[in-house]
């Protein structure tokens, strides 16, 4: 985050929201970091506006959103290997999004526990799909440690900080389907994006939670606008959710929201989902 100091005051109406052009930081130890200036006007020198300072306040908002990076808590070592006695290199798969930044991490050897710990040195960006990582052998290790990375595809909590997941929907008997269409209205400012996923359980599989999320692709959209809502339609890549073409009875939909600037966020409304039996 850049350290930016405003050189002038921003005029606004009381009770309204202010969207800052970039992220700001207010230090709790420095009262002068946030200043207000009020100008009083009157047409009668005997009458003046009054402000009750005891009720004067402001609400500062931070948007919990990222750009598809990977943090330490998204890496889970599933097997600690055998014979590790020093740090090891970690290789992470490339980001899915064009312009994404490659993440980097190291497996740090903890001499107290005799185990490796994953430390991310660069969170990267653009990881919107499946992510894999491998730990090499070092210092006489005889068996590789293995690691699982939480992402928006596998069943673990994904790496997007802003997401919306619908409740699990169960179709009525006789309405089992093969495909889904997702509709919603959105405002998507420059530098932000929305990814859409669905999870379904084949009729023969009653364990819905064990299924992976499947990413949908944009089918059509209106005019991109930072101020007005436009309709977006998402579809499955092959007009069927499951590669086998099997039908499903239970599904859920997930929207993951991304931004390279926490002051700019996508907005979504009027989400609609249609289950199709083609």
Protein backbone atom coordinates (compact mmCIF):
# COMPACT_ATOMS: atom_id res chain seq x y z
CA UNK A 1 0.00 0.00 0.00
CA UNK A 2 1.35 3.41 -0.96
CA UNK A 3 1.65 6.06 1.73
CA UNK A 4 -0.50 8.85 0.29
CA UNK A 5 -1.31 12.10 2.08
CA UNK A 6 -4.18 14.19 0.72
CA UNK A 7 -3.13 17.74 -0.09
CA UNK A 8 -6.66 19.15 0.03
CA UNK A 9 -10.02 18.45 1.62
CA UNK A 10 -12.75 16.50 -0.17
CA UNK A 11 -16.19 18.10 -0.14
CA UNK A 12 -19.16 15.83 0.58
CA UNK A 13 -22.68 15.84 1.92
CA UNK A 14 -23.40 14.66 5.45
CA UNK A 15 -24.79 11.13 5.55
CA UNK A 16 -23.32 10.20 2.17
CA UNK A 17 -20.63 7.68 1.23
CA UNK A 18 -17.20 8.69 -0.06
CA UNK A 19 -15.28 6.33 -2.32
CA UNK A 20 -11.59 7.14 -2.08
CA UNK A 21 -9.47 6.98 -5.26
CA UNK A 22 -6.96 4.73 -3.48
CA UNK A 23 -6.56 3.00 -0.15
CA UNK A 24 -5.73 5.16 2.88
CA UNK A 25 -4.23 4.28 6.25
CA UNK A 26 -5.14 5.99 9.53
CA UNK A 27 -2.71 5.43 12.37
CA UNK A 28 -4.33 5.08 15.78
CA UNK A 29 -1.38 6.86 17.37
CA UNK A 30 -1.71 9.95 15.18
CA UNK A 31 -4.95 11.88 15.63
CA UNK A 32 -4.11 14.27 12.77
CA UNK A 33 -4.30 11.45 10.18
CA UNK A 34 -8.05 12.15 9.83
CA UNK A 35 -9.17 15.75 9.71
CA UNK A 36 -12.54 17.40 9.07
CA UNK A 37 -13.17 21.00 8.09
CA UNK A 38 -16.62 22.57 8.39
CA UNK A 39 -17.66 25.87 6.87
CA UNK A 40 -20.62 27.76 8.36
CA UNK A 41 -22.80 30.08 6.29
CA UNK A 42 -25.67 32.31 7.31
CA UNK A 43 -27.61 35.27 5.95
CA UNK A 44 -28.34 36.60 9.45
CA UNK A 45 -25.44 37.60 11.70
CA UNK A 46 -27.57 36.73 14.74
CA UNK A 47 -28.20 33.13 13.67
CA UNK A 48 -25.61 30.44 13.12
CA UNK A 49 -25.63 26.70 12.37
CA UNK A 50 -24.65 24.48 15.31
CA UNK A 51 -22.77 21.15 15.34
CA UNK A 52 -23.01 18.80 18.30
CA UNK A 53 -19.45 17.44 18.42
CA UNK A 54 -20.47 14.73 20.89
CA UNK A 55 -22.46 13.08 18.08
CA UNK A 56 -19.98 13.78 15.30
CA UNK A 57 -18.58 10.51 13.95
CA UNK A 58 -17.44 8.70 10.84
CA UNK A 59 -17.50 5.06 9.74
CA UNK A 60 -14.37 3.82 7.97
CA UNK A 61 -14.85 0.83 5.66
CA UNK A 62 -12.28 -1.67 4.41
CA UNK A 63 -13.37 -4.07 1.66
CA UNK A 64 -12.31 -7.67 2.25
CA UNK A 65 -11.31 -8.55 -1.29
CA UNK A 66 -8.13 -9.74 -3.00
CA UNK A 67 -6.88 -10.44 -6.51
CA UNK A 68 -6.69 -14.22 -6.33
CA UNK A 69 -3.46 -14.49 -4.36
CA UNK A 70 -2.36 -17.36 -2.10
CA UNK A 71 -1.68 -16.79 1.60
CA UNK A 72 0.01 -19.03 4.18
CA UNK A 73 -3.26 -20.41 5.53
CA UNK A 74 -4.17 -21.86 2.10
CA UNK A 75 -1.36 -24.43 2.22
CA UNK A 76 -1.89 -27.70 4.10
CA UNK A 77 0.92 -30.24 4.39
CA UNK A 78 -0.76 -33.63 4.09
CA UNK A 79 2.41 -35.69 4.51
CA UNK A 80 5.58 -34.39 6.16
CA UNK A 81 7.89 -36.65 4.19
CA UNK A 82 10.86 -38.48 5.65
CA UNK A 83 14.38 -37.31 6.45
CA UNK A 84 13.99 -33.55 6.06
CA UNK A 85 16.59 -31.57 8.04
CA UNK A 86 16.63 -28.21 6.22
CA UNK A 87 14.46 -25.87 4.16
CA UNK A 88 13.04 -27.14 0.86
CA UNK A 89 11.89 -25.46 -2.33
CA UNK A 90 8.19 -25.27 -3.19
CA UNK A 91 6.97 -25.21 -6.80
CA UNK A 92 3.51 -23.69 -7.34
CA UNK A 93 1.46 -23.99 -10.53
CA UNK A 94 0.93 -20.90 -12.70
CA UNK A 95 -2.07 -18.57 -12.25
CA UNK A 96 -5.05 -19.07 -14.57
CA UNK A 97 -5.71 -15.41 -15.35
CA UNK A 98 -3.87 -13.47 -18.03
CA UNK A 99 -1.54 -10.99 -16.34
CA UNK A 100 -1.55 -12.99 -13.11
CA UNK A 101 1.56 -13.02 -10.96
CA UNK A 102 3.31 -16.27 -10.09
CA UNK A 103 3.10 -17.10 -6.38
CA UNK A 104 6.20 -18.23 -4.50
CA UNK A 105 6.72 -20.08 -1.23
CA UNK A 106 9.31 -22.03 0.73
CA UNK A 107 9.02 -25.03 3.01
CA UNK A 108 10.84 -23.94 6.17
CA UNK A 109 12.26 -26.64 8.44
CA UNK A 110 11.31 -26.22 12.11
CA UNK A 111 14.05 -27.80 14.22
CA UNK A 112 11.79 -27.84 17.30
CA UNK A 113 9.07 -29.94 15.69
CA UNK A 114 11.20 -31.66 13.06
CA UNK A 115 8.59 -30.69 10.45
CA UNK A 116 8.27 -28.37 7.48
CA UNK A 117 6.08 -25.25 7.45
CA UNK A 118 4.95 -23.48 4.28
CA UNK A 119 5.86 -19.77 4.22
CA UNK A 120 4.56 -17.72 1.29
CA UNK A 121 7.11 -15.20 0.00
CA UNK A 122 4.91 -13.83 -2.81
CA UNK A 123 1.14 -14.30 -2.75
CA UNK A 124 0.89 -13.73 -6.50
CA UNK A 125 -2.45 -13.03 -8.20
CA UNK A 126 -4.87 -14.46 -10.75
CA UNK A 127 -5.37 -17.87 -9.12
CA UNK A 128 -9.03 -18.51 -9.94
CA UNK A 129 -8.89 -22.25 -10.68
CA UNK A 130 -7.17 -25.35 -9.39
CA UNK A 131 -3.77 -24.81 -7.73
CA UNK A 132 -1.10 -27.43 -7.12
CA UNK A 133 2.22 -27.29 -5.27
CA UNK A 134 5.11 -29.71 -4.82
CA UNK A 135 7.91 -29.82 -2.22
CA UNK A 136 11.29 -31.09 -3.36
CA UNK A 137 13.68 -33.27 -1.39
CA UNK A 138 16.55 -31.60 0.44
CA UNK A 139 19.14 -32.37 3.10
CA UNK A 140 18.97 -36.12 2.68
CA UNK A 141 15.19 -36.44 2.60
CA UNK A 142 14.16 -39.87 1.40
CA UNK A 143 10.46 -39.22 0.78
CA UNK A 144 8.84 -36.04 -0.53
CA UNK A 145 6.48 -34.09 1.67
CA UNK A 146 3.13 -33.38 0.00
CA UNK A 147 0.96 -30.28 0.21
CA UNK A 148 -2.64 -29.39 -0.65
CA UNK A 149 -3.55 -25.84 -1.69
CA UNK A 150 -7.04 -24.51 -0.95
CA UNK A 151 -8.56 -22.94 -4.05
CA UNK A 152 -11.94 -22.22 -5.61
CA UNK A 153 -12.16 -25.65 -7.25
CA UNK A 154 -11.48 -28.15 -4.49
CA UNK A 155 -13.75 -28.67 -1.51
CA UNK A 156 -11.63 -26.56 0.88
CA UNK A 157 -12.33 -22.91 1.60
CA UNK A 158 -11.04 -21.09 -1.48
CA UNK A 159 -8.45 -18.35 -1.80
CA UNK A 160 -10.87 -15.57 -2.81
CA UNK A 161 -11.54 -13.30 0.16
CA UNK A 162 -14.89 -12.13 -1.27
CA UNK A 163 -17.37 -14.76 -2.36
CA UNK A 164 -21.08 -15.55 -2.27
CA UNK A 165 -22.35 -19.12 -2.13
CA UNK A 166 -26.00 -20.00 -2.54
CA UNK A 167 -27.70 -22.54 -0.34
CA UNK A 168 -27.82 -26.12 -1.56
CA UNK A 169 -30.79 -26.49 -3.92
CA UNK A 170 -32.57 -29.81 -4.29
CA UNK A 171 -34.70 -30.21 -7.39
CA UNK A 172 -38.07 -31.90 -7.12
CA UNK A 173 -38.40 -35.49 -8.31
CA UNK A 174 -38.84 -35.61 -12.06
CA UNK A 175 -36.91 -32.34 -12.56
CA UNK A 176 -33.38 -33.79 -12.56
CA UNK A 177 -31.20 -31.73 -14.91
CA UNK A 178 -28.02 -31.81 -17.00
CA UNK A 179 -27.05 -28.14 -17.23
CA UNK A 180 -27.20 -24.73 -15.51
CA UNK A 181 -27.49 -21.13 -16.70
CA UNK A 182 -26.54 -18.32 -14.33
CA UNK A 183 -27.92 -14.79 -14.72
CA UNK A 184 -27.17 -11.68 -12.66
CA UNK A 185 -26.79 -7.92 -12.96
CA UNK A 186 -23.41 -6.46 -12.06
CA UNK A 187 -21.20 -3.38 -12.02
CA UNK A 188 -17.59 -4.40 -12.68
CA UNK A 189 -15.09 -1.52 -12.38
CA UNK A 190 -11.76 -1.63 -14.16
CA UNK A 191 -9.30 -3.87 -12.32
CA UNK A 192 -12.04 -6.10 -10.87
CA UNK A 193 -13.64 -9.33 -12.03
CA UNK A 194 -16.23 -11.96 -11.13
CA UNK A 195 -15.79 -15.71 -11.55
CA UNK A 196 -18.74 -18.09 -11.43
CA UNK A 197 -18.68 -21.71 -10.22
CA UNK A 198 -21.23 -24.45 -9.66
CA UNK A 199 -21.23 -27.68 -7.68
CA UNK A 200 -23.57 -30.54 -8.47
CA UNK A 201 -23.96 -34.08 -7.21
CA UNK A 202 -24.79 -36.83 -9.72
CA UNK A 203 -27.97 -38.66 -8.85
CA UNK A 204 -25.92 -41.74 -7.95
CA UNK A 205 -23.75 -39.77 -5.48
CA UNK A 206 -25.44 -38.61 -2.29
CA UNK A 207 -22.25 -37.01 -0.86
CA UNK A 208 -22.66 -33.47 -2.22
CA UNK A 209 -19.87 -32.01 -0.07
CA UNK A 210 -17.26 -34.29 -1.66
CA UNK A 211 -17.86 -32.85 -5.14
CA UNK A 212 -15.58 -30.19 -6.66
CA UNK A 213 -16.61 -26.75 -7.90
CA UNK A 214 -16.72 -26.33 -11.68
CA UNK A 215 -16.01 -22.97 -13.30
CA UNK A 216 -18.50 -21.57 -15.78
CA UNK A 217 -17.72 -19.30 -18.73
CA UNK A 218 -19.21 -15.97 -19.75
CA UNK A 219 -21.89 -16.42 -22.40
CA UNK A 220 -23.10 -12.85 -22.87
CA UNK A 221 -22.91 -9.48 -21.18
CA UNK A 222 -24.12 -5.95 -21.58
CA UNK A 223 -22.02 -2.80 -21.79
CA UNK A 224 -19.22 -2.74 -19.19
CA UNK A 225 -19.85 0.10 -16.78
CA UNK A 226 -18.51 1.23 -13.44
CA UNK A 227 -21.70 3.14 -12.63
CA UNK A 228 -24.57 1.16 -14.19
CA UNK A 229 -25.68 -2.45 -13.81
CA UNK A 230 -25.59 -4.73 -16.85
CA UNK A 231 -26.83 -8.31 -17.22
CA UNK A 232 -24.28 -11.14 -17.36
CA UNK A 233 -25.04 -14.72 -18.40
CA UNK A 234 -22.78 -17.68 -17.59
CA UNK A 235 -22.92 -21.19 -19.03
CA UNK A 236 -21.06 -24.47 -18.72
CA UNK A 237 -18.27 -24.97 -21.32
CA UNK A 238 -19.90 -27.97 -23.02
CA UNK A 239 -23.57 -27.27 -22.24
CA UNK A 240 -23.49 -29.94 -19.58
CA UNK A 241 -22.16 -29.69 -16.03
CA UNK A 242 -20.80 -33.20 -15.62
CA UNK A 243 -18.32 -34.49 -18.26
CA UNK A 244 -20.18 -37.80 -18.33
CA UNK A 245 -23.42 -36.03 -19.15
CA UNK A 246 -25.04 -37.47 -16.03
CA UNK A 247 -28.01 -35.69 -14.56
CA UNK A 248 -28.06 -34.13 -11.12
CA UNK A 249 -30.65 -33.31 -8.52
CA UNK A 250 -28.67 -31.13 -6.08
CA UNK A 251 -26.63 -28.02 -6.91
CA UNK A 252 -25.16 -24.80 -5.52
CA UNK A 253 -23.63 -21.71 -7.17
CA UNK A 254 -20.66 -19.64 -6.06
CA UNK A 255 -19.56 -16.15 -7.14
CA UNK A 256 -15.96 -15.16 -6.38
CA UNK A 257 -15.15 -11.45 -6.56
CA UNK A 258 -11.65 -10.13 -7.27
CA UNK A 259 -9.97 -6.73 -7.34
CA UNK A 260 -6.44 -5.33 -7.60
CA UNK A 261 -7.49 -2.34 -5.47
CA UNK A 262 -9.60 -2.67 -2.32
CA UNK A 263 -11.26 0.69 -3.02
CA UNK A 264 -12.85 -0.76 -6.16
CA UNK A 265 -15.19 -3.74 -5.88
CA UNK A 266 -17.71 -5.45 -8.19
CA UNK A 267 -21.37 -5.25 -7.24
CA UNK A 268 -23.93 -7.97 -7.98
CA UNK A 269 -27.71 -8.10 -7.73
CA UNK A 270 -30.64 -10.16 -9.02
CA UNK A 271 -28.91 -13.55 -9.16
CA UNK A 272 -30.99 -16.14 -11.03
CA UNK A 273 -30.21 -19.78 -11.74
CA UNK A 274 -32.00 -22.01 -14.26
CA UNK A 275 -31.53 -25.79 -14.23
CA UNK A 276 -31.87 -27.24 -17.73
CA UNK A 277 -32.66 -30.76 -18.89
CA UNK A 278 -31.50 -30.77 -22.49
